[in-house]
Structures are given as C-alpha cells and as structure tokens.
Amino acid sequence: MSGAERHHNNCGVWHGYSAYQPHNLVRVLTIFKVAYNYCLSDAKGQTLAMKLGLAKGVVALEDILYFQG
C-alpha cells in the first residue's frame, strides 16, 4: 500500500509516519520531484535540470532538504 492510499481498520491504529493529510503528501512529492530533477544524474553525469539548462551541475540532496530561503 502506498503512502497516498488510506487504510481504515477497526483497530484505530495511526502511524505517525503516514501521509494522512493531503498537504503532507504534496510536500513529500515536491521534494521527490526536485530531487529527481536536480540530484539524480544519468550515465553521462547530467541531471534532467542540466539537460534543460536549469542547472549548471548536480545539486546535493542536503542542499534541497535543508534549504533556507
């Protein structure tokens, strides 16, 4: 079961790491989208953002996760 799906059971168990609120899921997917486009490079060492001319180099994941702006 993915994080986007809700599972209702009779036990009433709630897991704090689950994305039950839509805005939390949007935040996680936005971070994933940015990391995929700017951090993950192909065999030639280029990211999707570099291929589109949006970035000059590979961005470290820490720079995205801990961005202060």
N, C-alpha and C. Protein backbone atom coordinates (compact mmCIF):
# COMPACT_ATOMS: atom_id res chain seq x y z
N MET A 1 0.84 -1.17 0.00
CA MET A 1 0.00 0.00 0.00
C MET A 1 0.89 1.24 0.00
N SER A 2 0.61 2.17 -0.86
CA SER A 2 1.44 3.37 -0.95
C SER A 2 1.02 4.38 0.10
N GLY A 3 1.84 5.42 0.27
CA GLY A 3 1.54 6.47 1.22
C GLY A 3 0.34 7.30 0.82
N ALA A 4 -0.03 7.26 -0.48
CA ALA A 4 -1.16 8.05 -0.95
C ALA A 4 -2.49 7.38 -0.63
N GLU A 5 -2.46 6.11 -0.30
CA GLU A 5 -3.69 5.39 -0.02
C GLU A 5 -3.98 5.41 1.47
N ARG A 6 -5.22 5.41 1.80
CA ARG A 6 -5.62 5.36 3.20
C ARG A 6 -6.09 3.95 3.53
N HIS A 7 -5.74 3.52 4.70
CA HIS A 7 -6.16 2.19 5.14
C HIS A 7 -6.97 2.37 6.43
N HIS A 8 -8.19 2.00 6.38
CA HIS A 8 -9.05 2.07 7.55
C HIS A 8 -9.20 0.68 8.13
N ASN A 9 -8.98 0.58 9.41
CA ASN A 9 -9.19 -0.70 10.08
C ASN A 9 -9.97 -0.46 11.36
N ASN A 10 -10.39 -1.48 11.97
CA ASN A 10 -11.20 -1.38 13.18
C ASN A 10 -10.37 -1.15 14.42
N CYS A 11 -9.07 -1.28 14.33
CA CYS A 11 -8.20 -1.12 15.50
C CYS A 11 -7.97 0.34 15.86
N GLY A 12 -8.12 1.23 14.91
CA GLY A 12 -7.88 2.64 15.18
C GLY A 12 -6.41 2.96 15.31
N VAL A 13 -5.55 2.18 14.71
CA VAL A 13 -4.11 2.40 14.78
C VAL A 13 -3.71 3.48 13.80
N TRP A 14 -2.96 4.46 14.26
CA TRP A 14 -2.47 5.52 13.40
C TRP A 14 -0.95 5.53 13.48
N HIS A 15 -0.30 5.56 12.33
CA HIS A 15 1.16 5.59 12.27
C HIS A 15 1.58 7.02 11.95
N GLY A 16 2.44 7.59 12.79
CA GLY A 16 2.85 8.97 12.64
C GLY A 16 3.61 9.26 11.37
N TYR A 17 4.19 8.26 10.75
CA TYR A 17 4.96 8.47 9.53
C TYR A 17 4.10 8.41 8.29
N SER A 18 2.83 8.15 8.43
CA SER A 18 1.94 8.05 7.28
C SER A 18 1.51 9.43 6.82
N ALA A 19 1.35 9.59 5.50
CA ALA A 19 0.93 10.86 4.92
C ALA A 19 -0.59 10.91 4.86
N TYR A 20 -1.24 11.11 5.98
CA TYR A 20 -2.70 11.10 6.02
C TYR A 20 -3.28 12.43 5.56
N GLN A 21 -2.56 13.51 5.75
CA GLN A 21 -3.07 14.81 5.36
C GLN A 21 -2.54 15.16 3.97
N PRO A 22 -3.41 15.62 3.09
CA PRO A 22 -3.01 15.88 1.70
C PRO A 22 -1.83 16.84 1.57
N HIS A 23 -1.77 17.88 2.41
CA HIS A 23 -0.66 18.83 2.27
C HIS A 23 0.68 18.20 2.62
N ASN A 24 0.69 17.19 3.50
CA ASN A 24 1.94 16.49 3.79
C ASN A 24 2.40 15.67 2.59
N LEU A 25 1.46 15.05 1.91
CA LEU A 25 1.79 14.27 0.72
C LEU A 25 2.30 15.19 -0.39
N VAL A 26 1.71 16.35 -0.53
CA VAL A 26 2.17 17.31 -1.54
C VAL A 26 3.60 17.74 -1.25
N ARG A 27 3.92 17.98 0.01
CA ARG A 27 5.29 18.37 0.38
C ARG A 27 6.30 17.27 0.05
N VAL A 28 5.96 16.04 0.38
CA VAL A 28 6.86 14.91 0.11
C VAL A 28 7.06 14.74 -1.38
N LEU A 29 5.99 14.82 -2.15
CA LEU A 29 6.11 14.66 -3.60
C LEU A 29 6.88 15.80 -4.25
N THR A 30 6.77 17.01 -3.72
CA THR A 30 7.53 18.14 -4.24
C THR A 30 9.02 17.94 -4.00
N ILE A 31 9.38 17.48 -2.80
CA ILE A 31 10.79 17.21 -2.50
C ILE A 31 11.31 16.11 -3.42
N PHE A 32 10.52 15.07 -3.62
CA PHE A 32 10.93 13.98 -4.51
C PHE A 32 11.12 14.48 -5.94
N LYS A 33 10.21 15.33 -6.42
CA LYS A 33 10.28 15.85 -7.78
C LYS A 33 11.55 16.68 -7.97
N VAL A 34 11.85 17.55 -7.02
CA VAL A 34 13.05 18.38 -7.12
C VAL A 34 14.30 17.52 -7.05
N ALA A 35 14.32 16.57 -6.13
CA ALA A 35 15.49 15.69 -6.01
C ALA A 35 15.68 14.87 -7.28
N TYR A 36 14.61 14.38 -7.86
CA TYR A 36 14.72 13.59 -9.09
C TYR A 36 15.28 14.42 -10.24
N ASN A 37 14.84 15.66 -10.35
CA ASN A 37 15.26 16.51 -11.47
C ASN A 37 16.63 17.15 -11.27
N TYR A 38 17.05 17.39 -10.04
CA TYR A 38 18.28 18.12 -9.79
C TYR A 38 19.40 17.29 -9.19
N CYS A 39 19.10 16.15 -8.57
CA CYS A 39 20.13 15.38 -7.86
C CYS A 39 20.54 14.10 -8.57
N LEU A 40 19.62 13.44 -9.23
CA LEU A 40 19.93 12.15 -9.84
C LEU A 40 20.46 12.34 -11.26
N SER A 41 21.67 11.87 -11.48
CA SER A 41 22.29 12.05 -12.79
C SER A 41 22.26 10.73 -13.57
N ASP A 42 22.38 10.86 -14.89
CA ASP A 42 22.40 9.69 -15.76
C ASP A 42 23.83 9.19 -15.91
N ALA A 43 24.07 8.29 -16.83
CA ALA A 43 25.40 7.70 -17.03
C ALA A 43 26.42 8.75 -17.47
N LYS A 44 25.96 9.82 -18.12
CA LYS A 44 26.86 10.89 -18.57
C LYS A 44 27.11 11.94 -17.49
N GLY A 45 26.45 11.80 -16.34
CA GLY A 45 26.64 12.74 -15.24
C GLY A 45 25.75 13.96 -15.31
N GLN A 46 24.71 13.92 -16.13
CA GLN A 46 23.81 15.06 -16.26
C GLN A 46 22.45 14.76 -15.64
N THR A 47 21.90 15.76 -14.96
CA THR A 47 20.55 15.64 -14.43
C THR A 47 19.56 16.14 -15.46
N LEU A 48 18.28 15.90 -15.22
CA LEU A 48 17.26 16.41 -16.14
C LEU A 48 17.27 17.94 -16.18
N ALA A 49 17.51 18.57 -15.04
CA ALA A 49 17.56 20.03 -14.99
C ALA A 49 18.75 20.57 -15.80
N MET A 50 19.86 19.86 -15.78
CA MET A 50 21.02 20.28 -16.57
C MET A 50 20.73 20.17 -18.05
N LYS A 51 20.03 19.12 -18.45
CA LYS A 51 19.70 18.94 -19.86
C LYS A 51 18.77 20.03 -20.37
N LEU A 52 17.93 20.55 -19.48
CA LEU A 52 17.02 21.63 -19.86
C LEU A 52 17.63 23.02 -19.68
N GLY A 53 18.84 23.07 -19.15
CA GLY A 53 19.52 24.34 -18.93
C GLY A 53 19.09 25.06 -17.67
N LEU A 54 18.47 24.34 -16.72
CA LEU A 54 18.01 24.95 -15.48
C LEU A 54 19.05 24.88 -14.37
N ALA A 55 20.06 24.05 -14.54
CA ALA A 55 21.10 23.89 -13.52
C ALA A 55 22.45 23.75 -14.20
N LYS A 56 23.49 24.20 -13.50
CA LYS A 56 24.85 24.10 -14.04
C LYS A 56 25.55 22.82 -13.60
N GLY A 57 25.02 22.19 -12.54
CA GLY A 57 25.64 20.98 -12.04
C GLY A 57 24.67 20.21 -11.17
N VAL A 58 25.13 19.07 -10.69
CA VAL A 58 24.33 18.23 -9.81
C VAL A 58 24.20 18.92 -8.45
N VAL A 59 23.00 18.96 -7.92
CA VAL A 59 22.73 19.59 -6.63
C VAL A 59 22.71 18.51 -5.55
N ALA A 60 23.37 18.78 -4.44
CA ALA A 60 23.39 17.82 -3.34
C ALA A 60 22.02 17.75 -2.69
N LEU A 61 21.60 16.57 -2.30
CA LEU A 61 20.30 16.39 -1.67
C LEU A 61 20.19 17.20 -0.38
N GLU A 62 21.28 17.34 0.35
CA GLU A 62 21.29 18.12 1.58
C GLU A 62 20.96 19.58 1.31
N ASP A 63 21.39 20.10 0.16
CA ASP A 63 21.09 21.49 -0.19
C ASP A 63 19.59 21.70 -0.42
N ILE A 64 18.91 20.68 -0.85
CA ILE A 64 17.46 20.78 -1.08
C ILE A 64 16.72 20.59 0.25
N LEU A 65 17.11 19.58 1.01
CA LEU A 65 16.40 19.28 2.24
C LEU A 65 16.55 20.35 3.30
N TYR A 66 17.71 21.00 3.34
CA TYR A 66 17.98 21.99 4.37
C TYR A 66 18.03 23.41 3.80
N PHE A 67 17.32 23.66 2.73
CA PHE A 67 17.29 24.97 2.08
C PHE A 67 16.69 26.02 3.01
N GLN A 68 17.38 27.14 3.13
CA GLN A 68 16.90 28.27 3.93
C GLN A 68 16.64 29.42 2.98
N GLY A 69 15.39 29.69 2.68
CA GLY A 69 15.13 30.73 1.71
C GLY A 69 13.99 31.54 1.96
